[in-house]
Protein backbone atom coordinates (compact mmCIF):
# COMPACT_ATOMS: atom_id res chain seq x y z
CA UNK A 1 0.10 0.01 -0.01
CA UNK A 2 1.03 3.49 -0.64
CA UNK A 3 1.60 6.30 1.72
CA UNK A 4 -1.51 7.73 3.53
CA UNK A 5 -2.54 11.11 4.85
CA UNK A 6 -3.69 11.03 8.37
CA UNK A 7 -6.75 12.76 9.40
CA UNK A 8 -8.56 13.16 12.75
CA UNK A 9 -7.70 10.64 15.38
CA UNK A 10 -4.66 9.15 13.22
CA UNK A 11 -7.18 7.93 10.59
CA UNK A 12 -7.10 8.51 7.01
CA UNK A 13 -9.42 11.14 5.92
CA UNK A 14 -12.55 9.47 4.50
CA UNK A 15 -13.37 10.04 0.90
CA UNK A 16 -16.76 11.96 0.17
CA UNK A 17 -19.79 9.87 -1.20
CA UNK A 18 -19.48 11.31 -4.71
CA UNK A 19 -15.66 11.57 -4.89
CA UNK A 20 -14.01 8.39 -6.23
CA UNK A 21 -10.69 7.36 -4.39
CA UNK A 22 -7.87 7.73 -7.10
CA UNK A 23 -5.71 5.39 -5.22
CA UNK A 24 -8.19 2.50 -6.04
CA UNK A 25 -8.18 1.08 -9.51
CA UNK A 26 -11.68 -0.17 -9.17
CA UNK A 27 -13.35 3.43 -8.56
CA UNK A 28 -15.93 2.47 -11.09
CA UNK A 29 -16.88 -0.83 -9.68
CA UNK A 30 -17.17 0.92 -6.33
CA UNK A 31 -19.51 3.70 -7.34
CA UNK A 32 -21.61 1.25 -9.43
CA UNK A 33 -21.99 -1.16 -6.45
CA UNK A 34 -22.99 1.77 -4.27
CA UNK A 35 -25.52 3.23 -6.67
CA UNK A 36 -27.02 -0.26 -7.22
CA UNK A 37 -27.35 -0.68 -3.43
CA UNK A 38 -28.97 2.65 -3.22
CA UNK A 39 -31.30 2.18 -6.16
CA UNK A 40 -32.53 -1.46 -4.50
CA UNK A 41 -32.96 0.13 -1.20
CA UNK A 42 -30.13 -2.22 0.36
CA UNK A 43 -28.15 -0.79 3.16
CA UNK A 44 -24.81 -1.41 1.53
CA UNK A 45 -22.77 -3.50 -0.95
CA UNK A 46 -19.97 -6.10 -0.72
CA UNK A 47 -16.61 -4.27 -1.74
CA UNK A 48 -15.53 -5.45 -5.32
CA UNK A 49 -11.85 -5.79 -4.17
CA UNK A 50 -12.18 -7.02 -0.54
CA UNK A 51 -15.59 -8.41 -0.09
CA UNK A 52 -16.26 -6.34 3.08
CA UNK A 53 -19.62 -5.05 3.50
CA UNK A 54 -19.74 -0.89 2.94
CA UNK A 55 -22.64 1.03 3.97
CA UNK A 56 -24.18 3.46 1.62
CA UNK A 57 -24.37 7.08 2.18
CA UNK A 58 -28.29 6.79 2.50
CA UNK A 59 -27.67 3.98 5.32
CA UNK A 60 -25.15 6.37 7.04
CA UNK A 61 -27.20 9.49 6.83
CA UNK A 62 -30.02 7.77 8.49
CA UNK A 63 -28.04 7.50 11.36
CA UNK A 64 -28.34 11.14 12.16
CA UNK A 65 -24.48 12.09 12.64
CA UNK A 66 -21.04 11.06 11.82
CA UNK A 67 -19.48 8.14 13.67
CA UNK A 68 -16.02 9.35 12.98
CA UNK A 69 -15.18 5.95 11.88
CA UNK A 70 -14.02 7.02 8.37
CA UNK A 71 -16.63 5.55 6.49
CA UNK A 72 -16.26 5.63 2.62
CA UNK A 73 -19.45 7.14 1.74
CA UNK A 74 -20.01 9.39 4.82
CA UNK A 75 -22.48 12.24 4.05
CA UNK A 76 -21.30 14.35 6.82
CA UNK A 77 -17.87 14.81 5.29
CA UNK A 78 -17.58 18.36 3.82
CA UNK A 79 -16.44 18.24 0.30
CA UNK A 80 -13.00 19.72 0.08
CA UNK A 81 -12.42 21.25 -3.45
């Protein structure tokens, strides 16, 4: 793995829900899986590379606040332009 930039609490800063992670070669597959899960009303999807379950932005938004776990699709992260 490459170098990572640390965010709050020593964790890498989470990507925004509509900002692909350029360090991953499967950005498109991740965004497609997320969109499909949202459209089907599923709480999440299986990561194409790791097989881990990833919560959608809709599911995370329903929680009401950020859990500060660095979730991939966190809707509470401000977009940095």
